[in-house]
Amino acid sequence: MARNTGPRCRQCRRENMKLFLKGERCFTDSCAFDRRQYAPGQHGQGRTKFSSYGEQLREKQKVKRMYGVLEKQFRTYYHKASQKKGVTGENLIKTLESRLDNMLFRLGFSSSRSEGRQLIKHGHFLINGKKVDVPSYLLKADDVISVRERSRKVERIKQAMETAKQRGIPRWLELNIEQFEGKVIAVPERDEITTPIKEQLIVELYSK
């Protein structure tokens, strides 16, 4: 499976936004973005003025990096979003939020989306009682995510759940810590997703 193996902290600095790519480290004083809030490279501290196209490209790159999706899959999501009823940009963000690896991060079963992808590939989770090992699996309302019985002692999962309250659980999700179980109450509406994303810029980029 293709994946981005570049330095993660540099990605946050490039997008001028904390993308929470390194789990618990992002909540500590060791976070590189908090210490150096400027773009990487020798010209990172210089004034940067983007063209209209540059702003659109940066927004797309930011969202791709945030959700851990590469270009081909991201373009597929956009194409499907454009064919659905409703606003294309909103459909795109709602689809990305519905990914299993993102839901694990939102529920607190993993400290980052990349860690969630690894845990999923190792078969630690069940969806409605059935094993699912595909990180891009799209969840819908009333789906139940649970940690497999034999996986409840995995230290990475336990540590992530301990810090879940620090991040907060979105209101479209429900977490039962005692049962190692989470439920999708509803597919989130766009105004419920508080991450600062300007999806219209992405639509304008792909519409050219």
N, C-alpha and C. Protein backbone atom coordinates (compact mmCIF):
# COMPACT_ATOMS: atom_id res chain seq x y z
N MET A 1 0.84 -1.19 0.00
CA MET A 1 0.00 0.00 0.00
C MET A 1 0.88 1.25 0.00
N ALA A 2 0.65 2.14 -0.94
CA ALA A 2 1.43 3.37 -1.02
C ALA A 2 1.13 4.27 0.17
N ARG A 3 2.14 5.00 0.63
CA ARG A 3 1.94 5.91 1.75
C ARG A 3 3.01 6.98 1.73
N ASN A 4 2.74 8.06 2.43
CA ASN A 4 3.68 9.17 2.52
C ASN A 4 4.65 8.88 3.66
N THR A 5 5.94 8.78 3.33
CA THR A 5 6.94 8.44 4.35
C THR A 5 7.82 9.63 4.72
N GLY A 6 7.46 10.82 4.28
CA GLY A 6 8.26 12.01 4.58
C GLY A 6 8.13 12.44 6.03
N PRO A 7 9.02 13.33 6.48
CA PRO A 7 8.96 13.84 7.87
C PRO A 7 7.61 14.48 8.16
N ARG A 8 6.95 14.05 9.19
CA ARG A 8 5.58 14.51 9.45
C ARG A 8 5.53 15.93 10.01
N CYS A 9 6.48 16.27 10.86
CA CYS A 9 6.45 17.61 11.44
C CYS A 9 6.67 18.69 10.37
N ARG A 10 7.44 18.36 9.35
CA ARG A 10 7.66 19.31 8.26
C ARG A 10 6.36 19.54 7.49
N GLN A 11 5.51 18.52 7.41
CA GLN A 11 4.24 18.68 6.72
C GLN A 11 3.35 19.69 7.45
N CYS A 12 3.32 19.62 8.77
CA CYS A 12 2.54 20.59 9.55
C CYS A 12 3.08 22.00 9.34
N ARG A 13 4.39 22.13 9.37
CA ARG A 13 4.99 23.45 9.20
C ARG A 13 4.76 23.99 7.80
N ARG A 14 4.78 23.12 6.80
CA ARG A 14 4.54 23.55 5.44
C ARG A 14 3.13 24.07 5.26
N GLU A 15 2.15 23.43 5.94
CA GLU A 15 0.76 23.85 5.80
C GLU A 15 0.35 24.90 6.82
N ASN A 16 1.31 25.30 7.69
CA ASN A 16 1.06 26.32 8.71
C ASN A 16 -0.13 25.97 9.58
N MET A 17 -0.20 24.69 9.95
CA MET A 17 -1.32 24.21 10.75
C MET A 17 -0.95 22.88 11.38
N LYS A 18 -1.32 22.68 12.62
CA LYS A 18 -1.06 21.41 13.28
C LYS A 18 -2.01 20.35 12.73
N LEU A 19 -1.45 19.32 12.08
CA LEU A 19 -2.26 18.29 11.44
C LEU A 19 -2.41 17.04 12.31
N PHE A 20 -1.78 17.03 13.48
CA PHE A 20 -1.86 15.90 14.43
C PHE A 20 -1.44 14.60 13.76
N LEU A 21 -0.23 14.62 13.18
CA LEU A 21 0.28 13.45 12.47
C LEU A 21 1.17 12.57 13.35
N LYS A 22 1.55 13.07 14.55
CA LYS A 22 2.47 12.30 15.39
C LYS A 22 1.87 11.95 16.75
N GLY A 23 0.55 11.87 16.79
CA GLY A 23 -0.10 11.39 18.00
C GLY A 23 0.10 12.26 19.21
N GLU A 24 0.46 11.62 20.34
CA GLU A 24 0.59 12.32 21.61
C GLU A 24 1.63 13.43 21.57
N ARG A 25 2.65 13.30 20.75
CA ARG A 25 3.70 14.31 20.67
C ARG A 25 3.12 15.68 20.29
N CYS A 26 2.03 15.67 19.52
CA CYS A 26 1.41 16.92 19.08
C CYS A 26 0.80 17.71 20.24
N PHE A 27 0.58 17.05 21.37
CA PHE A 27 -0.04 17.70 22.53
C PHE A 27 0.99 18.08 23.59
N THR A 28 2.28 17.90 23.27
CA THR A 28 3.33 18.20 24.23
C THR A 28 4.17 19.40 23.77
N ASP A 29 5.09 19.82 24.64
CA ASP A 29 5.98 20.93 24.31
C ASP A 29 7.02 20.53 23.27
N SER A 30 7.10 19.24 22.94
CA SER A 30 8.06 18.77 21.95
C SER A 30 7.56 18.94 20.53
N CYS A 31 6.32 19.38 20.36
CA CYS A 31 5.74 19.55 19.03
C CYS A 31 6.57 20.54 18.22
N ALA A 32 7.08 20.11 17.07
CA ALA A 32 7.93 20.96 16.24
C ALA A 32 7.17 22.17 15.71
N PHE A 33 5.87 22.02 15.46
CA PHE A 33 5.10 23.14 14.93
C PHE A 33 4.98 24.26 15.96
N ASP A 34 4.80 23.91 17.23
CA ASP A 34 4.71 24.92 18.27
C ASP A 34 6.04 25.65 18.46
N ARG A 35 7.14 24.95 18.24
CA ARG A 35 8.45 25.56 18.45
C ARG A 35 8.93 26.37 17.24
N ARG A 36 8.48 25.95 16.03
CA ARG A 36 8.91 26.64 14.81
C ARG A 36 7.72 26.82 13.88
N GLN A 37 6.96 27.86 14.11
CA GLN A 37 5.74 28.07 13.33
C GLN A 37 6.04 28.84 12.04
N TYR A 38 6.89 28.25 11.25
CA TYR A 38 7.18 28.80 9.93
C TYR A 38 7.53 27.63 9.01
N ALA A 39 7.46 27.86 7.71
CA ALA A 39 7.68 26.79 6.73
C ALA A 39 9.10 26.25 6.81
N PRO A 40 9.31 24.96 6.50
CA PRO A 40 10.66 24.39 6.54
C PRO A 40 11.51 24.90 5.39
N GLY A 41 12.81 24.70 5.50
CA GLY A 41 13.72 25.13 4.44
C GLY A 41 14.39 26.46 4.74
N GLN A 42 15.42 26.78 3.99
CA GLN A 42 16.20 27.99 4.27
C GLN A 42 15.42 29.27 4.04
N HIS A 43 14.36 29.22 3.23
CA HIS A 43 13.55 30.40 2.98
C HIS A 43 12.22 30.37 3.75
N GLY A 44 12.12 29.45 4.69
CA GLY A 44 10.86 29.25 5.40
C GLY A 44 10.36 30.45 6.17
N GLN A 45 11.28 31.30 6.65
CA GLN A 45 10.87 32.44 7.45
C GLN A 45 10.63 33.69 6.60
N GLY A 46 10.81 33.57 5.30
CA GLY A 46 10.56 34.70 4.42
C GLY A 46 9.07 34.89 4.19
N ARG A 47 8.70 36.03 3.71
CA ARG A 47 7.29 36.31 3.43
C ARG A 47 6.87 35.54 2.20
N THR A 48 5.75 34.86 2.30
CA THR A 48 5.26 34.05 1.20
C THR A 48 3.90 34.56 0.74
N LYS A 49 3.80 34.85 -0.54
CA LYS A 49 2.53 35.29 -1.09
C LYS A 49 2.15 34.34 -2.21
N PHE A 50 1.01 33.65 -2.02
CA PHE A 50 0.58 32.66 -2.99
C PHE A 50 -0.33 33.28 -4.04
N SER A 51 -0.26 32.75 -5.23
CA SER A 51 -1.22 33.11 -6.27
C SER A 51 -2.53 32.40 -5.97
N SER A 52 -3.56 32.67 -6.74
CA SER A 52 -4.84 32.00 -6.55
C SER A 52 -4.68 30.49 -6.69
N TYR A 53 -3.91 30.08 -7.71
CA TYR A 53 -3.66 28.65 -7.90
C TYR A 53 -2.86 28.08 -6.73
N GLY A 54 -1.88 28.84 -6.25
CA GLY A 54 -1.07 28.38 -5.13
C GLY A 54 -1.90 28.14 -3.88
N GLU A 55 -2.85 29.01 -3.59
CA GLU A 55 -3.73 28.84 -2.44
C GLU A 55 -4.58 27.58 -2.58
N GLN A 56 -5.08 27.36 -3.78
CA GLN A 56 -5.90 26.17 -4.03
C GLN A 56 -5.08 24.89 -3.85
N LEU A 57 -3.86 24.91 -4.38
CA LEU A 57 -2.98 23.74 -4.28
C LEU A 57 -2.61 23.46 -2.84
N ARG A 58 -2.28 24.50 -2.08
CA ARG A 58 -1.90 24.31 -0.68
C ARG A 58 -3.06 23.74 0.14
N GLU A 59 -4.28 24.19 -0.15
CA GLU A 59 -5.44 23.68 0.58
C GLU A 59 -5.65 22.19 0.29
N LYS A 60 -5.49 21.82 -0.97
CA LYS A 60 -5.63 20.41 -1.32
C LYS A 60 -4.56 19.57 -0.64
N GLN A 61 -3.31 20.05 -0.67
CA GLN A 61 -2.22 19.32 -0.05
C GLN A 61 -2.44 19.18 1.46
N LYS A 62 -2.95 20.23 2.07
CA LYS A 62 -3.21 20.21 3.52
C LYS A 62 -4.22 19.13 3.87
N VAL A 63 -5.31 19.08 3.13
CA VAL A 63 -6.36 18.09 3.43
C VAL A 63 -5.87 16.67 3.16
N LYS A 64 -5.13 16.49 2.07
CA LYS A 64 -4.57 15.17 1.76
C LYS A 64 -3.67 14.68 2.90
N ARG A 65 -2.80 15.56 3.37
CA ARG A 65 -1.87 15.18 4.42
C ARG A 65 -2.59 14.95 5.75
N MET A 66 -3.59 15.75 6.00
CA MET A 66 -4.35 15.62 7.24
C MET A 66 -5.00 14.24 7.36
N TYR A 67 -5.63 13.80 6.28
CA TYR A 67 -6.34 12.52 6.31
C TYR A 67 -5.49 11.35 5.81
N GLY A 68 -4.25 11.61 5.41
CA GLY A 68 -3.36 10.53 5.00
C GLY A 68 -3.76 9.87 3.69
N VAL A 69 -4.25 10.68 2.75
CA VAL A 69 -4.71 10.14 1.46
C VAL A 69 -3.79 10.64 0.36
N LEU A 70 -3.42 9.75 -0.56
CA LEU A 70 -2.57 10.14 -1.68
C LEU A 70 -3.41 10.66 -2.84
N GLU A 71 -2.74 11.20 -3.84
CA GLU A 71 -3.42 11.95 -4.90
C GLU A 71 -4.48 11.14 -5.65
N LYS A 72 -4.16 9.93 -6.06
CA LYS A 72 -5.10 9.14 -6.86
C LYS A 72 -6.40 8.87 -6.11
N GLN A 73 -6.27 8.46 -4.85
CA GLN A 73 -7.46 8.17 -4.05
C GLN A 73 -8.23 9.45 -3.73
N PHE A 74 -7.50 10.53 -3.48
CA PHE A 74 -8.15 11.80 -3.19
C PHE A 74 -8.96 12.27 -4.38
N ARG A 75 -8.42 12.13 -5.57
CA ARG A 75 -9.13 12.53 -6.78
C ARG A 75 -10.37 11.66 -6.99
N THR A 76 -10.27 10.38 -6.64
CA THR A 76 -11.43 9.48 -6.74
C THR A 76 -12.53 9.93 -5.80
N TYR A 77 -12.14 10.29 -4.57
CA TYR A 77 -13.13 10.80 -3.61
C TYR A 77 -13.81 12.05 -4.16
N TYR A 78 -13.02 12.94 -4.75
CA TYR A 78 -13.59 14.17 -5.30
C TYR A 78 -14.58 13.85 -6.42
N HIS A 79 -14.21 12.94 -7.31
CA HIS A 79 -15.08 12.59 -8.43
C HIS A 79 -16.42 12.03 -7.93
N LYS A 80 -16.35 11.16 -6.94
CA LYS A 80 -17.58 10.59 -6.39
C LYS A 80 -18.41 11.66 -5.67
N ALA A 81 -17.73 12.58 -4.98
CA ALA A 81 -18.44 13.65 -4.28
C ALA A 81 -19.17 14.56 -5.25
N SER A 82 -18.56 14.77 -6.43
CA SER A 82 -19.17 15.65 -7.43
C SER A 82 -20.41 15.02 -8.07
N GLN A 83 -20.53 13.71 -7.97
CA GLN A 83 -21.68 13.01 -8.56
C GLN A 83 -22.84 12.84 -7.59
N LYS A 84 -22.59 13.14 -6.31
CA LYS A 84 -23.64 13.03 -5.31
C LYS A 84 -24.49 14.30 -5.28
N LYS A 85 -25.67 14.18 -4.71
CA LYS A 85 -26.49 15.35 -4.51
C LYS A 85 -25.87 16.21 -3.41
N GLY A 86 -26.06 17.51 -3.52
CA GLY A 86 -25.53 18.41 -2.51
C GLY A 86 -24.30 19.15 -2.99
N VAL A 87 -23.61 19.78 -2.05
CA VAL A 87 -22.43 20.59 -2.35
C VAL A 87 -21.21 19.68 -2.44
N THR A 88 -20.48 19.76 -3.55
CA THR A 88 -19.35 18.86 -3.80
C THR A 88 -18.31 18.92 -2.69
N GLY A 89 -17.90 20.12 -2.29
CA GLY A 89 -16.88 20.26 -1.27
C GLY A 89 -17.30 19.64 0.06
N GLU A 90 -18.54 19.87 0.44
CA GLU A 90 -19.04 19.30 1.69
C GLU A 90 -19.11 17.79 1.60
N ASN A 91 -19.54 17.27 0.46
CA ASN A 91 -19.59 15.80 0.27
C ASN A 91 -18.20 15.20 0.41
N LEU A 92 -17.19 15.89 -0.11
CA LEU A 92 -15.81 15.41 -0.04
C LEU A 92 -15.34 15.31 1.41
N ILE A 93 -15.54 16.37 2.18
CA ILE A 93 -15.08 16.37 3.57
C ILE A 93 -15.83 15.33 4.40
N LYS A 94 -17.11 15.18 4.17
CA LYS A 94 -17.90 14.19 4.91
C LYS A 94 -17.44 12.77 4.59
N THR A 95 -17.04 12.54 3.33
CA THR A 95 -16.52 11.23 2.96
C THR A 95 -15.21 10.94 3.67
N LEU A 96 -14.30 11.93 3.70
CA LEU A 96 -13.02 11.75 4.37
C LEU A 96 -13.21 11.50 5.86
N GLU A 97 -14.18 12.19 6.46
CA GLU A 97 -14.45 11.99 7.89
C GLU A 97 -15.03 10.61 8.17
N SER A 98 -15.64 9.99 7.16
CA SER A 98 -16.28 8.68 7.34
C SER A 98 -15.31 7.51 7.24
N ARG A 99 -14.07 7.79 6.87
CA ARG A 99 -13.08 6.72 6.78
C ARG A 99 -12.84 6.09 8.15
N LEU A 100 -12.60 4.78 8.14
CA LEU A 100 -12.40 4.06 9.40
C LEU A 100 -11.19 4.57 10.16
N ASP A 101 -10.07 4.83 9.47
CA ASP A 101 -8.88 5.30 10.20
C ASP A 101 -9.13 6.65 10.87
N ASN A 102 -9.93 7.50 10.23
CA ASN A 102 -10.27 8.79 10.84
C ASN A 102 -11.19 8.60 12.04
N MET A 103 -12.15 7.70 11.92
CA MET A 103 -13.08 7.45 13.02
C MET A 103 -12.37 6.92 14.25
N LEU A 104 -11.36 6.07 14.05
CA LEU A 104 -10.59 5.56 15.19
C LEU A 104 -9.87 6.71 15.90
N PHE A 105 -9.32 7.62 15.12
CA PHE A 105 -8.65 8.79 15.69
C PHE A 105 -9.65 9.66 16.44
N ARG A 106 -10.81 9.91 15.86
CA ARG A 106 -11.83 10.74 16.50
C ARG A 106 -12.34 10.12 17.79
N LEU A 107 -12.47 8.79 17.80
CA LEU A 107 -12.98 8.10 18.99
C LEU A 107 -11.90 7.96 20.08
N GLY A 108 -10.63 8.04 19.68
CA GLY A 108 -9.55 7.89 20.66
C GLY A 108 -8.99 6.49 20.74
N PHE A 109 -9.29 5.63 19.77
CA PHE A 109 -8.70 4.29 19.74
C PHE A 109 -7.27 4.33 19.20
N SER A 110 -6.90 5.42 18.55
CA SER A 110 -5.53 5.59 18.06
C SER A 110 -5.13 7.05 18.29
N SER A 111 -3.83 7.27 18.45
CA SER A 111 -3.35 8.63 18.75
C SER A 111 -3.19 9.48 17.49
N SER A 112 -3.25 8.85 16.32
CA SER A 112 -3.17 9.56 15.05
C SER A 112 -3.83 8.71 13.98
N ARG A 113 -4.11 9.31 12.84
CA ARG A 113 -4.73 8.56 11.76
C ARG A 113 -3.77 7.52 11.19
N SER A 114 -2.49 7.85 11.13
CA SER A 114 -1.51 6.89 10.61
C SER A 114 -1.38 5.69 11.54
N GLU A 115 -1.42 5.92 12.85
CA GLU A 115 -1.39 4.81 13.78
C GLU A 115 -2.65 3.97 13.64
N GLY A 116 -3.78 4.65 13.42
CA GLY A 116 -5.05 3.94 13.21
C GLY A 116 -4.96 3.03 12.01
N ARG A 117 -4.35 3.50 10.91
CA ARG A 117 -4.22 2.67 9.72
C ARG A 117 -3.41 1.41 10.00
N GLN A 118 -2.35 1.56 10.78
CA GLN A 118 -1.52 0.40 11.10
C GLN A 118 -2.27 -0.60 11.96
N LEU A 119 -3.00 -0.09 12.95
CA LEU A 119 -3.77 -0.98 13.83
C LEU A 119 -4.86 -1.72 13.06
N ILE A 120 -5.48 -1.03 12.10
CA ILE A 120 -6.53 -1.65 11.28
C ILE A 120 -5.93 -2.77 10.44
N LYS A 121 -4.78 -2.50 9.80
CA LYS A 121 -4.14 -3.50 8.95
C LYS A 121 -3.73 -4.73 9.75
N HIS A 122 -3.50 -4.56 11.05
CA HIS A 122 -3.12 -5.69 11.91
C HIS A 122 -4.34 -6.43 12.46
N GLY A 123 -5.52 -5.99 12.07
CA GLY A 123 -6.74 -6.73 12.40
C GLY A 123 -7.23 -6.58 13.83
N HIS A 124 -7.04 -5.40 14.44
CA HIS A 124 -7.42 -5.23 15.84
C HIS A 124 -8.88 -4.79 16.03
N PHE A 125 -9.61 -4.49 14.94
CA PHE A 125 -10.95 -3.91 15.10
C PHE A 125 -12.03 -4.68 14.34
N LEU A 126 -13.22 -4.58 14.90
CA LEU A 126 -14.40 -5.19 14.29
C LEU A 126 -15.40 -4.08 13.95
N ILE A 127 -16.11 -4.25 12.84
CA ILE A 127 -17.21 -3.36 12.47
C ILE A 127 -18.48 -4.18 12.47
N ASN A 128 -19.39 -3.85 13.37
CA ASN A 128 -20.63 -4.61 13.52
C ASN A 128 -20.35 -6.10 13.73
N GLY A 129 -19.29 -6.37 14.50
CA GLY A 129 -18.96 -7.75 14.84
C GLY A 129 -18.12 -8.48 13.83
N LYS A 130 -17.75 -7.84 12.71
CA LYS A 130 -16.97 -8.51 11.67
C LYS A 130 -15.61 -7.82 11.51
N LYS A 131 -14.58 -8.61 11.31
CA LYS A 131 -13.23 -8.08 11.16
C LYS A 131 -13.12 -7.26 9.88
N VAL A 132 -12.54 -6.06 10.00
CA VAL A 132 -12.28 -5.20 8.85
C VAL A 132 -10.83 -4.73 8.94
N ASP A 133 -10.07 -4.95 7.86
CA ASP A 133 -8.67 -4.53 7.86
C ASP A 133 -8.35 -3.57 6.72
N VAL A 134 -9.36 -2.78 6.34
CA VAL A 134 -9.20 -1.80 5.27
C VAL A 134 -9.35 -0.40 5.87
N PRO A 135 -8.27 0.38 5.97
CA PRO A 135 -8.34 1.72 6.59
C PRO A 135 -9.32 2.67 5.90
N SER A 136 -9.53 2.51 4.60
CA SER A 136 -10.41 3.42 3.85
C SER A 136 -11.88 3.00 3.90
N TYR A 137 -12.19 1.97 4.67
CA TYR A 137 -13.58 1.52 4.80
C TYR A 137 -14.45 2.68 5.27
N LEU A 138 -15.55 2.93 4.57
CA LEU A 138 -16.42 4.07 4.90
C LEU A 138 -17.55 3.63 5.82
N LEU A 139 -17.65 4.29 6.95
CA LEU A 139 -18.66 3.97 7.94
C LEU A 139 -19.93 4.78 7.70
N LYS A 140 -21.03 4.27 8.19
CA LYS A 140 -22.31 4.97 8.06
C LYS A 140 -23.00 4.98 9.42
N ALA A 141 -24.11 5.69 9.50
CA ALA A 141 -24.84 5.81 10.76
C ALA A 141 -25.21 4.44 11.32
N ASP A 142 -25.08 4.30 12.64
CA ASP A 142 -25.40 3.09 13.41
C ASP A 142 -24.34 2.00 13.32
N ASP A 143 -23.26 2.23 12.60
CA ASP A 143 -22.16 1.25 12.60
C ASP A 143 -21.47 1.27 13.95
N VAL A 144 -21.05 0.10 14.41
CA VAL A 144 -20.40 -0.03 15.71
C VAL A 144 -18.96 -0.51 15.51
N ILE A 145 -18.02 0.23 16.07
CA ILE A 145 -16.60 -0.13 16.01
C ILE A 145 -16.22 -0.69 17.37
N SER A 146 -15.58 -1.85 17.37
CA SER A 146 -15.16 -2.44 18.65
C SER A 146 -13.76 -3.02 18.53
N VAL A 147 -13.05 -3.01 19.65
CA VAL A 147 -11.72 -3.59 19.70
C VAL A 147 -11.87 -5.09 19.95
N ARG A 148 -11.17 -5.89 19.18
CA ARG A 148 -11.24 -7.34 19.36
C ARG A 148 -10.82 -7.72 20.77
N GLU A 149 -11.40 -8.78 21.29
CA GLU A 149 -11.16 -9.20 22.66
C GLU A 149 -9.66 -9.36 22.94
N ARG A 150 -8.98 -10.02 22.03
CA ARG A 150 -7.54 -10.29 22.24
C ARG A 150 -6.67 -9.05 22.04
N SER A 151 -7.27 -7.98 21.50
CA SER A 151 -6.50 -6.76 21.22
C SER A 151 -6.65 -5.71 22.30
N ARG A 152 -7.48 -5.97 23.31
CA ARG A 152 -7.75 -4.96 24.33
C ARG A 152 -6.57 -4.73 25.28
N LYS A 153 -5.56 -5.59 25.18
CA LYS A 153 -4.37 -5.41 26.01
C LYS A 153 -3.23 -4.76 25.23
N VAL A 154 -3.49 -4.42 23.97
CA VAL A 154 -2.46 -3.76 23.17
C VAL A 154 -2.16 -2.39 23.77
N GLU A 155 -0.91 -2.15 24.11
CA GLU A 155 -0.54 -0.95 24.86
C GLU A 155 -0.85 0.33 24.08
N ARG A 156 -0.65 0.32 22.77
CA ARG A 156 -0.88 1.53 21.98
C ARG A 156 -2.35 1.93 21.99
N ILE A 157 -3.23 0.96 21.99
CA ILE A 157 -4.67 1.25 22.04
C ILE A 157 -5.04 1.78 23.42
N LYS A 158 -4.52 1.16 24.47
CA LYS A 158 -4.83 1.59 25.83
C LYS A 158 -4.33 3.01 26.09
N GLN A 159 -3.13 3.31 25.63
CA GLN A 159 -2.57 4.65 25.83
C GLN A 159 -3.37 5.70 25.07
N ALA A 160 -3.79 5.36 23.87
CA ALA A 160 -4.58 6.31 23.07
C ALA A 160 -5.91 6.60 23.74
N MET A 161 -6.54 5.59 24.30
CA MET A 161 -7.85 5.76 24.95
C MET A 161 -7.72 6.61 26.22
N GLU A 162 -6.57 6.55 26.86
CA GLU A 162 -6.36 7.35 28.07
C GLU A 162 -6.33 8.84 27.76
N THR A 163 -5.91 9.20 26.55
CA THR A 163 -5.83 10.61 26.17
C THR A 163 -7.03 11.06 25.32
N ALA A 164 -8.00 10.16 25.15
CA ALA A 164 -9.16 10.48 24.30
C ALA A 164 -9.93 11.69 24.82
N LYS A 165 -10.10 11.77 26.13
CA LYS A 165 -10.85 12.88 26.72
C LYS A 165 -10.15 14.21 26.49
N GLN A 166 -8.83 14.17 26.41
CA GLN A 166 -8.06 15.40 26.18
C GLN A 166 -8.41 16.00 24.81
N ARG A 167 -8.60 15.14 23.82
CA ARG A 167 -8.94 15.60 22.47
C ARG A 167 -10.43 15.90 22.35
N GLY A 168 -11.25 15.18 23.10
CA GLY A 168 -12.69 15.36 23.01
C GLY A 168 -13.29 14.45 21.94
N ILE A 169 -14.51 14.00 22.17
CA ILE A 169 -15.20 13.11 21.23
C ILE A 169 -16.26 13.92 20.50
N PRO A 170 -16.28 13.91 19.16
CA PRO A 170 -17.30 14.65 18.40
C PRO A 170 -18.70 14.16 18.76
N ARG A 171 -19.68 15.03 18.63
CA ARG A 171 -21.03 14.68 19.05
C ARG A 171 -21.72 13.69 18.12
N TRP A 172 -21.14 13.44 16.94
CA TRP A 172 -21.74 12.44 16.05
C TRP A 172 -21.22 11.02 16.35
N LEU A 173 -20.35 10.92 17.37
CA LEU A 173 -19.81 9.63 17.78
C LEU A 173 -20.12 9.38 19.25
N GLU A 174 -20.15 8.12 19.61
CA GLU A 174 -20.42 7.73 21.00
C GLU A 174 -19.39 6.71 21.41
N LEU A 175 -18.72 6.94 22.53
CA LEU A 175 -17.65 6.06 22.99
C LEU A 175 -18.02 5.40 24.31
N ASN A 176 -17.84 4.08 24.36
CA ASN A 176 -18.02 3.32 25.59
C ASN A 176 -16.65 2.75 25.95
N ILE A 177 -15.95 3.44 26.85
CA ILE A 177 -14.58 3.06 27.19
C ILE A 177 -14.53 1.68 27.83
N GLU A 178 -15.47 1.40 28.73
CA GLU A 178 -15.48 0.11 29.44
C GLU A 178 -15.63 -1.07 28.48
N GLN A 179 -16.43 -0.89 27.43
CA GLN A 179 -16.67 -1.97 26.48
C GLN A 179 -15.72 -1.94 25.27
N PHE A 180 -14.80 -0.96 25.26
CA PHE A 180 -13.89 -0.79 24.12
C PHE A 180 -14.69 -0.71 22.82
N GLU A 181 -15.68 0.16 22.82
CA GLU A 181 -16.63 0.19 21.71
C GLU A 181 -17.03 1.63 21.38
N GLY A 182 -17.20 1.91 20.11
CA GLY A 182 -17.66 3.21 19.67
C GLY A 182 -18.77 3.05 18.64
N LYS A 183 -19.65 4.02 18.58
CA LYS A 183 -20.78 3.94 17.64
C LYS A 183 -20.88 5.24 16.85
N VAL A 184 -21.19 5.08 15.55
CA VAL A 184 -21.42 6.23 14.69
C VAL A 184 -22.90 6.61 14.82
N ILE A 185 -23.17 7.70 15.50
CA ILE A 185 -24.55 8.12 15.69
C ILE A 185 -25.13 8.64 14.38
N ALA A 186 -24.32 9.38 13.63
CA ALA A 186 -24.77 9.93 12.35
C ALA A 186 -23.56 10.36 11.55
N VAL A 187 -23.70 10.44 10.24
CA VAL A 187 -22.65 11.01 9.40
C VAL A 187 -22.61 12.50 9.70
N PRO A 188 -21.45 13.05 10.02
CA PRO A 188 -21.38 14.45 10.45
C PRO A 188 -21.80 15.43 9.36
N GLU A 189 -22.48 16.48 9.77
CA GLU A 189 -22.79 17.57 8.85
C GLU A 189 -21.57 18.48 8.77
N ARG A 190 -21.49 19.25 7.71
CA ARG A 190 -20.29 20.07 7.50
C ARG A 190 -20.04 21.04 8.64
N ASP A 191 -21.09 21.64 9.20
CA ASP A 191 -20.89 22.61 10.27
C ASP A 191 -20.46 21.96 11.58
N GLU A 192 -20.53 20.63 11.66
CA GLU A 192 -20.07 19.93 12.86
C GLU A 192 -18.58 19.60 12.79
N ILE A 193 -18.00 19.69 11.61
CA ILE A 193 -16.58 19.42 11.43
C ILE A 193 -15.82 20.74 11.59
N THR A 194 -15.20 20.90 12.73
CA THR A 194 -14.62 22.20 13.08
C THR A 194 -13.21 22.41 12.55
N THR A 195 -12.62 21.39 11.92
CA THR A 195 -11.29 21.54 11.36
C THR A 195 -11.29 22.65 10.31
N PRO A 196 -10.36 23.60 10.38
CA PRO A 196 -10.34 24.71 9.42
C PRO A 196 -9.94 24.27 8.01
N ILE A 197 -10.94 23.97 7.21
CA ILE A 197 -10.72 23.54 5.82
C ILE A 197 -11.56 24.42 4.91
N LYS A 198 -10.94 24.91 3.85
CA LYS A 198 -11.65 25.70 2.84
C LYS A 198 -11.85 24.81 1.61
N GLU A 199 -12.84 23.95 1.67
CA GLU A 199 -13.03 22.96 0.61
C GLU A 199 -13.38 23.56 -0.74
N GLN A 200 -13.91 24.79 -0.72
CA GLN A 200 -14.25 25.43 -1.99
C GLN A 200 -13.01 25.66 -2.85
N LEU A 201 -11.87 25.91 -2.21
CA LEU A 201 -10.61 26.07 -2.95
C LEU A 201 -10.24 24.80 -3.68
N ILE A 202 -10.52 23.65 -3.07
CA ILE A 202 -10.22 22.36 -3.70
C ILE A 202 -11.14 22.15 -4.90
N VAL A 203 -12.40 22.50 -4.73
CA VAL A 203 -13.36 22.37 -5.83
C VAL A 203 -12.91 23.25 -7.01
N GLU A 204 -12.48 24.47 -6.71
CA GLU A 204 -12.03 25.38 -7.77
C GLU A 204 -10.80 24.82 -8.48
N LEU A 205 -9.91 24.17 -7.72
CA LEU A 205 -8.69 23.61 -8.31
C LEU A 205 -9.03 22.49 -9.30
N TYR A 206 -9.89 21.57 -8.87
CA TYR A 206 -10.23 20.42 -9.71
C TYR A 206 -11.20 20.80 -10.83
N SER A 207 -11.82 21.94 -10.74
CA SER A 207 -12.78 22.36 -11.76
C SER A 207 -12.12 23.01 -12.97
N LYS A 208 -10.83 23.25 -12.87
CA LYS A 208 -10.13 23.94 -13.96
C LYS A 208 -9.96 23.02 -15.16
